Protein backbone atom coordinates (compact mmCIF):
# COMPACT_ATOMS: atom_id res chain seq x y z
CA MET A 1 95.37 14.19 31.96
CA LYS A 2 93.31 16.12 29.37
CA ILE A 3 92.24 14.49 26.12
CA TRP A 4 90.42 15.40 22.93
CA LEU A 5 87.21 13.38 22.01
CA CYS A 6 85.62 12.93 18.61
CA PRO A 7 81.81 13.28 18.94
CA MET A 8 81.26 11.19 15.82
CA CYS A 9 83.38 8.11 16.20
CA ASN A 10 84.16 8.51 19.93
CA LYS A 11 87.94 8.34 19.35
CA LYS A 12 90.18 9.87 21.96
CA TYR A 13 93.42 11.77 21.32
CA SER A 14 96.02 13.03 23.86
CA GLN A 15 96.33 16.78 24.27
CA ASP A 16 99.90 16.75 23.00
CA GLU A 17 98.89 15.43 19.59
CA PHE A 18 97.19 18.76 18.74
CA ALA A 19 99.36 21.14 20.63
CA GLY A 20 99.06 24.59 19.14
CA VAL A 21 96.08 23.55 16.89
CA LYS A 22 93.17 25.91 17.31
CA ASN A 23 90.31 23.65 16.12
CA PRO A 24 91.59 20.10 15.93
CA GLU A 25 89.67 17.50 13.81
CA CYS A 26 89.39 13.79 13.99
CA VAL A 27 91.93 11.95 11.86
CA ASP A 28 89.40 9.22 10.88
CA CYS A 29 86.13 11.10 10.25
CA GLY A 30 87.20 14.74 10.03
CA LYS A 31 84.73 15.78 12.77
CA ARG A 32 85.82 18.65 14.95
CA LEU A 33 87.02 17.35 18.31
CA ARG A 34 85.50 18.37 21.61
CA PHE A 35 87.32 20.56 24.01
CA PRO A 36 89.75 18.63 26.30
CA TYR A 37 88.60 17.42 29.66
CA GLU A 38 90.14 15.37 32.42
CA ASP A 39 90.47 11.64 31.91
CA SER A 40 92.89 8.92 32.65
CA ILE A 41 94.22 7.20 29.57
CA PRO A 42 97.47 5.33 28.95
CA THR A 43 100.46 7.59 28.54
CA ASN A 44 101.26 6.00 25.25
CA VAL A 45 98.12 6.01 23.05
CA GLU A 46 99.64 3.79 20.53
CA GLU A 47 100.52 1.21 23.15
CA ALA A 48 96.87 1.28 24.22
CA GLY A 49 95.88 0.19 20.72
CA GLY A 50 94.58 3.45 19.42
CA ALA A 51 91.38 5.11 20.62
CA VAL A 52 90.17 4.43 24.12
CA VAL A 53 86.35 4.67 24.51
CA LYS A 54 85.09 5.95 27.81
CA ALA A 55 81.96 7.77 28.97
CA TYR A 56 82.30 11.39 29.72
CA THR A 57 80.23 14.10 31.49
CA PRO A 58 78.56 16.56 28.99
CA SER A 59 78.40 19.20 31.70
CA GLN A 60 82.20 19.37 31.71
CA GLU A 61 82.42 20.35 28.10
CA VAL A 62 81.53 23.38 26.04
CA LEU A 63 78.85 22.56 23.36
CA PRO A 64 79.20 23.75 19.78
CA THR A 65 76.83 26.39 18.27
CA SER A 66 74.72 23.80 16.30
CA VAL A 67 73.97 21.83 19.44
CA LYS A 68 73.01 25.01 21.22
CA ILE A 69 70.51 25.94 18.42
CA GLY A 70 68.97 22.39 18.49
CA THR A 71 68.58 22.62 22.26
CA ALA A 72 66.88 26.00 21.96
CA LEU A 73 64.41 24.70 19.34
CA ILE A 74 63.47 21.82 21.59
CA ALA A 75 62.84 24.18 24.51
CA VAL A 76 60.65 26.40 22.34
CA SER A 77 58.60 23.42 21.17
CA VAL A 78 57.98 22.32 24.76
CA LEU A 79 56.81 25.80 25.66
CA LEU A 80 54.43 25.89 22.67
CA LEU A 81 52.92 22.53 23.63
CA LEU A 82 52.39 23.76 27.24
CA GLY A 83 50.72 26.87 25.79
CA PHE A 84 48.32 24.88 23.64
CA ARG A 85 47.43 22.65 26.51
CA ALA A 86 46.61 25.65 28.66
CA PHE A 87 44.40 27.17 25.91
CA TYR A 88 42.53 23.84 25.45
CA GLN A 89 41.79 23.65 29.18
CA ARG A 90 40.58 27.25 29.24
CA GLN A 91 38.35 26.73 26.19
CA SER A 92 36.83 23.56 27.59
CA VAL A 93 35.82 25.34 30.81
CA SER A 94 34.23 28.15 28.78
CA ASP A 95 32.24 25.74 26.61
CA VAL A 96 30.72 23.81 29.56
CA SER A 97 29.84 26.82 31.65
CA GLY A 98 28.32 28.73 28.74
CA THR A 99 30.40 31.85 29.43
CA ALA A 100 30.03 34.53 26.76
CA THR A 101 33.02 35.54 24.62
CA GLY A 102 35.20 38.21 26.31
CA ILE A 103 34.59 37.06 29.88
CA SER A 104 37.65 35.43 31.44
CA ILE A 105 37.61 32.34 33.57
CA PRO A 106 40.38 31.69 36.09
CA PHE A 107 42.66 29.03 34.77
CA GLN A 108 43.84 26.36 37.18
CA PRO A 109 46.64 24.49 35.43
CA HIS A 110 46.43 21.53 37.81
CA THR A 111 42.62 21.10 37.47
CA PRO A 112 41.73 18.56 34.80
CA PRO A 113 39.68 20.02 31.95
CA ILE A 114 35.87 19.70 32.19
CA LEU A 115 34.74 18.09 28.96
CA ARG A 116 31.21 18.05 27.61
CA ASP A 117 29.72 14.60 27.27
CA PRO A 118 29.63 13.60 23.65
CA ALA A 119 26.18 13.39 22.09
CA PRO A 120 24.87 9.86 22.09
CA PRO A 121 25.00 8.25 18.65
CA LYS A 122 21.78 8.33 16.74
CA LYS A 123 20.03 5.03 16.85
CA GLU A 124 18.95 3.75 13.48
CA PRO A 125 15.67 1.90 13.35
CA PRO A 126 16.23 -1.82 13.18
CA LYS A 127 16.11 -3.18 9.69
CA THR A 128 13.28 -5.58 9.18
CA GLU A 129 13.05 -7.93 6.35
CA PRO A 130 9.81 -7.73 4.30
CA PRO A 131 7.44 -10.52 5.20
CA THR A 132 7.63 -13.47 2.90
CA PRO A 133 4.38 -13.59 0.90
CA GLY A 134 2.47 -16.69 1.59
CA PRO A 135 -0.80 -18.16 0.35
CA LYS A 136 -3.64 -15.75 0.74
CA SER A 137 -6.32 -16.93 3.13
CA SER A 138 -9.70 -15.55 4.23
CA PRO A 139 -9.93 -14.38 7.81
CA ASN A 140 -12.35 -16.72 9.60
CA ALA A 141 -13.69 -13.91 11.73
CA LEU A 142 -15.21 -12.22 8.67
CA ILE A 143 -17.07 -15.22 7.38
CA ILE A 144 -20.84 -15.21 7.88
CA ASN A 145 -21.89 -18.35 9.72
CA ASN A 146 -25.50 -17.69 10.55
CA VAL A 147 -28.49 -16.44 8.59
CA LEU A 148 -29.48 -14.30 11.65
CA ASP A 149 -26.11 -12.44 11.80
CA GLU A 150 -27.72 -9.19 10.61
CA ASP A 151 -24.72 -6.95 11.35
CA LYS A 152 -22.41 -8.91 9.12
CA ILE A 153 -25.04 -9.56 6.38
CA ALA A 154 -25.81 -5.86 6.15
CA LYS A 155 -22.20 -5.19 5.13
CA ALA A 156 -21.99 -8.16 2.76
CA VAL A 157 -25.15 -7.95 0.66
CA GLY A 158 -25.86 -4.73 -1.25
CA LEU A 159 -28.13 -3.04 -3.71
CA LEU A 160 -26.50 -2.82 -7.11
CA GLN A 161 -27.39 0.16 -9.30
CA VAL A 162 -26.35 0.82 -12.92
CA GLY A 163 -25.86 4.52 -13.56
CA VAL A 164 -23.76 7.06 -15.49
CA GLU A 165 -21.25 9.65 -14.53
CA ILE A 166 -21.63 12.78 -16.62
CA GLU A 167 -18.62 15.10 -16.97
CA LEU A 168 -19.87 18.65 -17.43
CA VAL A 169 -17.69 21.67 -18.06
CA ASN A 170 -17.55 22.72 -14.41
CA GLU A 171 -18.59 19.64 -12.49
CA VAL A 172 -19.17 15.87 -12.53
CA ILE A 173 -22.60 14.51 -11.67
CA SER A 174 -24.12 11.06 -11.47
CA ARG A 175 -27.48 9.86 -12.67
CA ARG A 176 -29.49 6.71 -12.04
CA LEU A 177 -29.75 6.26 -15.74
CA SER A 178 -28.14 4.49 -18.69
CA LEU A 179 -27.51 5.25 -22.34
CA GLU A 180 -29.40 2.99 -24.71
CA PHE A 181 -29.17 2.78 -28.43
CA LYS A 182 -31.42 1.32 -31.16
CA SER A 183 -31.17 0.87 -34.86
CA GLU A 184 -33.85 2.61 -37.02
CA ARG A 185 -35.78 -0.64 -37.28
CA GLU A 186 -35.71 -1.12 -33.50
CA TYR A 187 -36.62 2.52 -32.99
CA LEU A 188 -39.74 2.11 -35.14
CA GLU A 189 -40.94 -0.61 -32.76
CA VAL A 190 -40.87 1.80 -29.86
CA PRO A 191 -44.37 3.07 -28.95
CA LYS A 192 -45.01 6.48 -30.53
CA LYS A 193 -45.65 8.20 -27.18
CA GLU A 194 -42.18 7.10 -26.02
CA ARG A 195 -40.27 8.13 -29.20
CA GLU A 196 -40.02 11.74 -27.99
CA ASN A 197 -37.37 10.65 -25.52
CA TRP A 198 -35.19 9.31 -28.23
CA SER A 199 -32.70 11.38 -30.33
CA LYS A 200 -31.01 10.51 -33.62
CA PHE A 201 -27.21 10.32 -33.64
CA GLY A 202 -26.01 9.34 -37.12
CA ASN A 203 -27.72 6.11 -38.13
CA LEU A 204 -28.74 5.24 -34.51
CA TYR A 205 -31.27 6.49 -31.99
CA GLY A 206 -30.24 7.00 -28.39
CA THR A 207 -31.86 7.83 -25.09
CA LEU A 208 -31.17 8.06 -21.40
CA ALA A 209 -33.20 5.22 -19.84
CA GLY A 210 -33.61 4.23 -16.25
CA GLY A 211 -30.65 2.29 -14.94
CA ASN A 212 -31.20 -1.34 -14.02
CA SER A 213 -30.75 -2.45 -10.38
CA GLY A 214 -30.51 -5.66 -8.42
CA THR A 215 -28.50 -7.30 -5.73
CA ALA A 216 -24.80 -8.27 -5.27
CA PHE A 217 -23.01 -10.01 -2.42
CA LEU A 218 -19.40 -10.21 -1.23
CA ILE A 219 -17.58 -13.54 -1.60
CA SER A 220 -14.12 -12.47 -0.32
CA SER A 221 -12.59 -10.11 2.18
CA ASP A 222 -10.96 -7.91 -0.50
CA GLY A 223 -14.08 -6.76 -2.29
CA PHE A 224 -14.98 -9.45 -4.89
CA ALA A 225 -18.66 -9.84 -5.26
CA ALA A 226 -21.12 -11.97 -7.34
CA THR A 227 -24.23 -10.95 -9.12
CA ASN A 228 -26.38 -11.83 -12.21
CA LYS A 229 -25.17 -10.91 -15.63
CA HIS A 230 -28.61 -9.62 -16.65
CA VAL A 231 -28.55 -7.09 -13.77
CA ILE A 232 -25.55 -5.30 -15.31
CA ALA A 233 -26.57 -5.76 -18.98
CA GLN A 234 -26.87 -2.06 -19.52
CA PHE A 235 -23.41 -1.46 -18.14
CA LEU A 236 -21.96 -4.19 -20.36
CA GLN A 237 -23.44 -2.60 -23.39
CA ALA A 238 -22.31 0.86 -22.47
CA SER A 239 -18.81 -0.36 -21.74
CA SER A 240 -18.40 -2.11 -25.08
CA GLN A 241 -16.59 -0.42 -27.95
CA PHE A 242 -19.94 0.19 -29.60
CA GLY A 243 -21.28 1.82 -26.46
CA LYS A 244 -18.27 4.01 -25.92
CA GLN A 245 -18.33 5.30 -29.52
CA ASN A 246 -21.97 6.21 -29.32
CA ALA A 247 -21.57 7.82 -25.88
CA ALA A 248 -18.92 10.05 -27.47
CA ARG A 249 -21.40 11.05 -30.17
CA VAL A 250 -24.05 11.92 -27.55
CA SER A 251 -21.50 13.93 -25.54
CA LEU A 252 -20.66 16.05 -28.63
CA ALA A 253 -24.30 16.67 -29.37
CA LEU A 254 -25.24 17.74 -25.86
CA GLU A 255 -24.38 21.27 -24.70
CA ASP A 256 -21.79 21.53 -21.85
CA VAL A 257 -21.36 17.70 -21.75
CA GLU A 258 -17.77 16.52 -22.17
CA ALA A 259 -18.16 12.78 -21.47
CA ILE A 260 -20.75 10.20 -20.35
CA ASN A 261 -19.29 7.10 -18.59
CA PRO A 262 -21.17 4.03 -17.29
CA LYS A 263 -20.84 3.32 -13.59
CA LEU A 264 -21.74 0.62 -11.11
CA PHE A 265 -22.84 1.73 -7.64
CA VAL A 266 -23.24 -0.68 -4.74
CA TYR A 267 -24.90 0.22 -1.43
CA LEU A 268 -23.51 -1.64 1.59
CA GLU A 269 -24.89 -0.80 5.03
CA GLN A 270 -26.30 2.57 3.87
CA GLU A 271 -22.94 3.58 2.26
CA VAL A 272 -22.54 3.90 -1.47
CA LYS A 273 -19.52 2.37 -3.17
CA THR A 274 -18.30 2.13 -6.73
CA ALA A 275 -17.38 -1.08 -8.44
CA SER A 276 -15.58 -2.34 -11.49
CA LEU A 277 -16.22 -5.37 -13.69
CA VAL A 278 -13.94 -8.41 -13.20
CA HIS A 279 -15.51 -11.34 -15.00
CA VAL A 280 -18.64 -12.10 -17.09
CA SER A 281 -19.60 -15.70 -17.74
CA ASP A 282 -20.16 -16.86 -21.30
CA GLU A 283 -22.21 -19.85 -20.16
CA TYR A 284 -24.23 -18.69 -17.16
CA ASP A 285 -26.25 -15.68 -15.85
CA PHE A 286 -23.32 -14.79 -13.64
CA ALA A 287 -20.76 -12.02 -13.21
CA ILE A 288 -18.07 -10.97 -10.68
CA ILE A 289 -17.41 -7.37 -9.79
CA LYS A 290 -14.81 -5.72 -7.55
CA ILE A 291 -16.24 -3.22 -4.94
CA ASP A 292 -13.92 -0.39 -3.98
CA ASP A 293 -12.97 0.41 -0.32
CA VAL A 294 -14.41 -2.67 1.34
CA ASP A 295 -11.28 -4.42 2.56
CA SER A 296 -11.99 -6.64 5.65
CA TYR A 297 -15.77 -6.47 5.11
CA PRO A 298 -17.70 -9.66 6.08
CA PHE A 299 -18.40 -12.10 3.27
CA PHE A 300 -20.30 -15.30 2.44
CA LYS A 301 -18.80 -18.74 2.05
CA LEU A 302 -19.83 -20.74 -1.06
CA LEU A 303 -21.16 -24.27 -1.40
CA ASP A 304 -18.52 -26.24 -3.30
CA GLY A 305 -20.31 -29.38 -4.36
CA ILE A 306 -22.86 -30.86 -6.74
CA THR A 307 -25.89 -31.66 -4.67
CA ILE A 308 -28.22 -30.04 -2.23
CA SER A 309 -31.02 -31.95 -0.60
CA ARG A 310 -34.71 -31.34 -0.99
CA LYS A 311 -36.37 -29.74 2.07
CA THR A 312 -33.16 -27.95 2.95
CA SER A 313 -34.05 -24.65 4.66
CA VAL A 314 -32.92 -21.66 2.58
CA SER A 315 -33.36 -17.88 2.70
CA ALA A 316 -33.30 -15.33 -0.09
CA LEU A 317 -31.58 -11.99 0.54
CA GLY A 318 -32.05 -8.90 -1.65
CA PHE A 319 -33.74 -5.56 -2.31
CA PRO A 320 -37.01 -6.38 -4.06
CA GLY A 321 -38.74 -3.28 -2.65
CA SER A 322 -36.09 -0.84 -3.80
CA ALA A 323 -34.08 -2.23 -6.67
CA ARG A 324 -36.34 -1.81 -9.62
CA ASN A 325 -36.22 -0.16 -12.98
CA ILE A 326 -37.64 3.20 -13.86
CA THR A 327 -40.82 2.15 -15.72
CA SER A 328 -42.65 5.43 -16.52
CA LYS A 329 -41.91 8.63 -18.27
CA GLU A 330 -42.81 10.53 -15.13
CA GLU A 331 -40.15 8.68 -13.19
CA LEU A 332 -37.60 9.32 -15.93
CA ASP A 333 -38.40 12.98 -16.11
CA LYS A 334 -38.14 13.25 -12.31
CA SER A 335 -34.74 11.64 -12.32
CA LEU A 336 -33.52 13.88 -15.15
CA SER A 337 -34.69 17.09 -13.51
CA ASN A 338 -34.00 16.20 -9.84
CA GLU A 339 -31.09 18.44 -8.77
CA ARG A 340 -30.29 16.12 -5.87
CA SER A 341 -29.98 13.09 -8.14
CA GLY A 342 -26.43 14.06 -9.00
CA ASP A 343 -25.35 12.49 -5.66
CA PRO A 344 -25.90 8.71 -5.46
CA GLU A 345 -26.26 9.03 -1.65
CA ASP A 346 -29.58 10.78 -2.28
CA TRP A 347 -31.08 8.17 -4.57
CA TYR A 348 -32.37 5.87 -1.81
CA SER A 349 -33.73 6.22 1.71
CA PRO A 350 -32.34 4.27 4.64
CA LYS A 351 -35.46 2.07 4.49
CA ASP A 352 -34.75 1.27 0.79
CA LEU A 353 -31.27 0.13 1.68
CA SER A 354 -32.32 -2.39 4.39
CA TYR A 355 -32.16 -5.90 2.82
CA ILE A 356 -35.22 -8.14 2.81
CA LEU A 357 -35.00 -11.79 3.90
CA THR A 358 -37.59 -14.42 2.91
CA SER A 359 -37.37 -18.06 3.92
CA GLY A 360 -38.40 -21.31 2.35
CA GLU A 361 -37.00 -24.72 1.36
CA VAL A 362 -35.44 -26.42 -1.61
CA SER A 363 -38.02 -28.10 -3.80
CA ARG A 364 -35.62 -29.51 -6.49
CA ALA A 365 -32.04 -29.21 -7.59
CA VAL A 366 -31.19 -30.53 -11.10
CA GLU A 367 -28.80 -29.78 -13.90
CA THR A 368 -30.63 -27.94 -16.73
CA VAL A 369 -29.40 -27.46 -20.31
CA GLY A 370 -28.83 -23.81 -21.12
CA PHE A 371 -29.12 -22.65 -17.49
CA GLY A 372 -26.77 -24.67 -15.29
CA TYR A 373 -27.45 -26.22 -11.92
CA GLU A 374 -31.00 -25.09 -11.19
CA ILE A 375 -32.31 -24.86 -7.65
CA THR A 376 -36.06 -24.45 -7.28
CA HIS A 377 -37.17 -23.16 -3.86
CA THR A 378 -40.09 -21.58 -2.05
CA ALA A 379 -38.40 -18.54 -0.59
CA THR A 380 -40.26 -15.57 -2.14
CA VAL A 381 -38.27 -13.54 -4.64
CA ASP A 382 -39.30 -10.56 -6.71
CA PRO A 383 -37.56 -8.17 -9.19
CA GLY A 384 -34.72 -6.72 -7.20
CA ASN A 385 -33.69 -10.07 -5.70
CA SER A 386 -31.85 -10.88 -8.92
CA GLY A 387 -28.15 -11.39 -8.21
CA GLY A 388 -28.74 -11.89 -4.47
CA PRO A 389 -27.64 -14.96 -2.48
CA LEU A 390 -29.72 -18.04 -1.57
CA ILE A 391 -28.23 -19.22 1.73
CA THR A 392 -28.69 -21.98 4.24
CA ASP A 393 -29.26 -21.41 7.95
CA ASP A 394 -25.54 -21.48 8.61
CA GLY A 395 -24.87 -18.73 6.04
CA VAL A 396 -23.56 -20.87 3.14
CA VAL A 397 -24.49 -19.62 -0.30
CA VAL A 398 -25.95 -22.46 -2.36
CA GLY A 399 -27.17 -20.32 -5.34
CA ILE A 400 -27.81 -16.91 -6.90
CA ASN A 401 -31.47 -15.92 -7.24
CA THR A 402 -32.07 -15.44 -10.88
CA GLN A 403 -35.69 -15.97 -12.03
CA GLN A 404 -39.30 -16.08 -10.95
CA HIS A 405 -41.92 -17.98 -12.90
CA ALA A 406 -45.37 -16.95 -11.74
CA LYS A 407 -48.27 -19.38 -11.92
CA VAL A 408 -51.09 -18.09 -14.06
CA VAL A 409 -54.49 -19.78 -13.74
CA ASP A 410 -57.44 -18.46 -15.74
CA GLY A 411 -55.60 -15.20 -16.40
CA ARG A 412 -54.80 -14.68 -12.69
CA VAL A 413 -51.46 -15.03 -10.86
CA VAL A 414 -51.88 -17.78 -8.28
CA GLY A 415 -49.53 -18.45 -5.35
CA THR A 416 -45.96 -17.35 -5.06
CA GLY A 417 -44.85 -18.89 -8.31
CA ILE A 418 -41.64 -20.87 -8.90
CA ASN A 419 -38.45 -19.27 -7.76
CA VAL A 420 -35.17 -20.32 -9.32
CA ALA A 421 -31.62 -19.86 -8.28
CA LEU A 422 -28.44 -20.58 -10.23
CA GLY A 423 -26.60 -23.27 -8.29
CA LEU A 424 -23.06 -22.55 -7.14
CA VAL A 425 -21.63 -25.84 -8.38
CA SER A 426 -21.06 -24.50 -11.93
CA LEU A 427 -19.94 -21.13 -10.77
CA THR A 428 -17.23 -22.29 -8.32
CA GLU A 429 -15.67 -24.32 -11.13
CA GLU A 430 -15.68 -21.27 -13.41
CA ILE A 431 -14.21 -19.00 -10.68
CA ARG A 432 -11.28 -21.36 -10.23
CA ARG A 433 -10.76 -21.59 -13.94
CA GLU A 434 -11.17 -17.94 -14.95
CA ASN A 435 -10.37 -15.88 -11.82
CA ALA A 436 -7.41 -17.17 -9.91
CA GLU A 437 -7.05 -13.93 -8.05
CA VAL A 438 -10.45 -14.36 -6.38
CA ILE A 439 -9.79 -16.09 -3.03
CA TRP A 440 -13.02 -17.30 -1.47
CA ALA A 441 -14.08 -19.59 1.35
CA SER A 442 -16.07 -22.68 0.54
CA ILE A 443 -17.71 -25.70 2.16
CA LYS A 444 -18.02 -29.11 0.57
CA SER A 445 -21.64 -30.43 0.24
CA LYS A 446 -22.69 -33.94 1.04
CA SER A 447 -24.40 -36.25 -1.37
CA ASN A 448 -28.07 -36.97 -1.03
């Protein structure tokens, strides 16, 4: 028989219950009942205990308008999805083949889309942790180990020249000169024929004198070098507050001169370098300078002990033939007027910059009041050797050549004189105490 079915609560009603009703509704939920369809239910619904739930076939019933609209929307959505899929496939083929816009490509719906391989991810450079700073050590390969190692020695021992850098209006020039000042009393002691080179600035007299020169040698791989304090005495005076103030006075008095600054020039293996002052000893004739642009240059190791034996073979290194002061007015005038003297590279010839080695032996080594550890030796030294190293056959520096005392007999100079070097024992102690940043190699000496 035919029945009515509630789509909400699934309750069934016999057809007779709604005879003559056009749009029957469920008694329990008020939902409009579905159209009747064939089903077998008990004749007496009440005897069956009310509603009888049983599956039914949707194709056998007529759907309401709301269901029809929902079904249509689902169908439209499916069609849109298929359309987007087709467009994506067509676009993928166009991208890969490089086809220009406006040219159609046959679409094969069953052919899987050809996708461009994604660009590989950019590889970032591996992150490396900065190296942990450790104790600074001197490379063994740079240490001079033999007095005959000329290639290394040529880069480790240099001619040291005191000069000035003059800032003009349009250029900067250098001169192998130094500013010197004297009080009026000191000026009156100057020979009359030399006074014409002096000018008065306030209550002082000043002049451009020849710059001192000597020798310096590297004691570390990062540019620290040793020399005598007296070699750079002019530089020390010009760098003092007194010297700077008077240099400013001279600059104002001279036409086109804006500033006059003291400079240290060091020639290593024919190349000129500049240097700065690091340390000046208050007790000894000793100073440390820092030479620019000489990282990883060879250097000397230092004797770190008290004694050195008599008869020890030693050699003196320096520039006695080249490093000398300007001693005459003619030389001074030539330096002032020489147009090429503005470039330190033109001040010396290659021959002048080749170091001189003389050999001898230790005669005595004693502690001297007011001097330090004094080493007397027979290796010939002359002006220009000052500040240079006195080394053993295996390249160890035992002293800094400082003085020469000539023997005078009956008014004549006899023999080679007495040559004195400042022993390293006092200096190494001072370096440790005053200059912790100077890392140098050393060798312990043995007792006599």
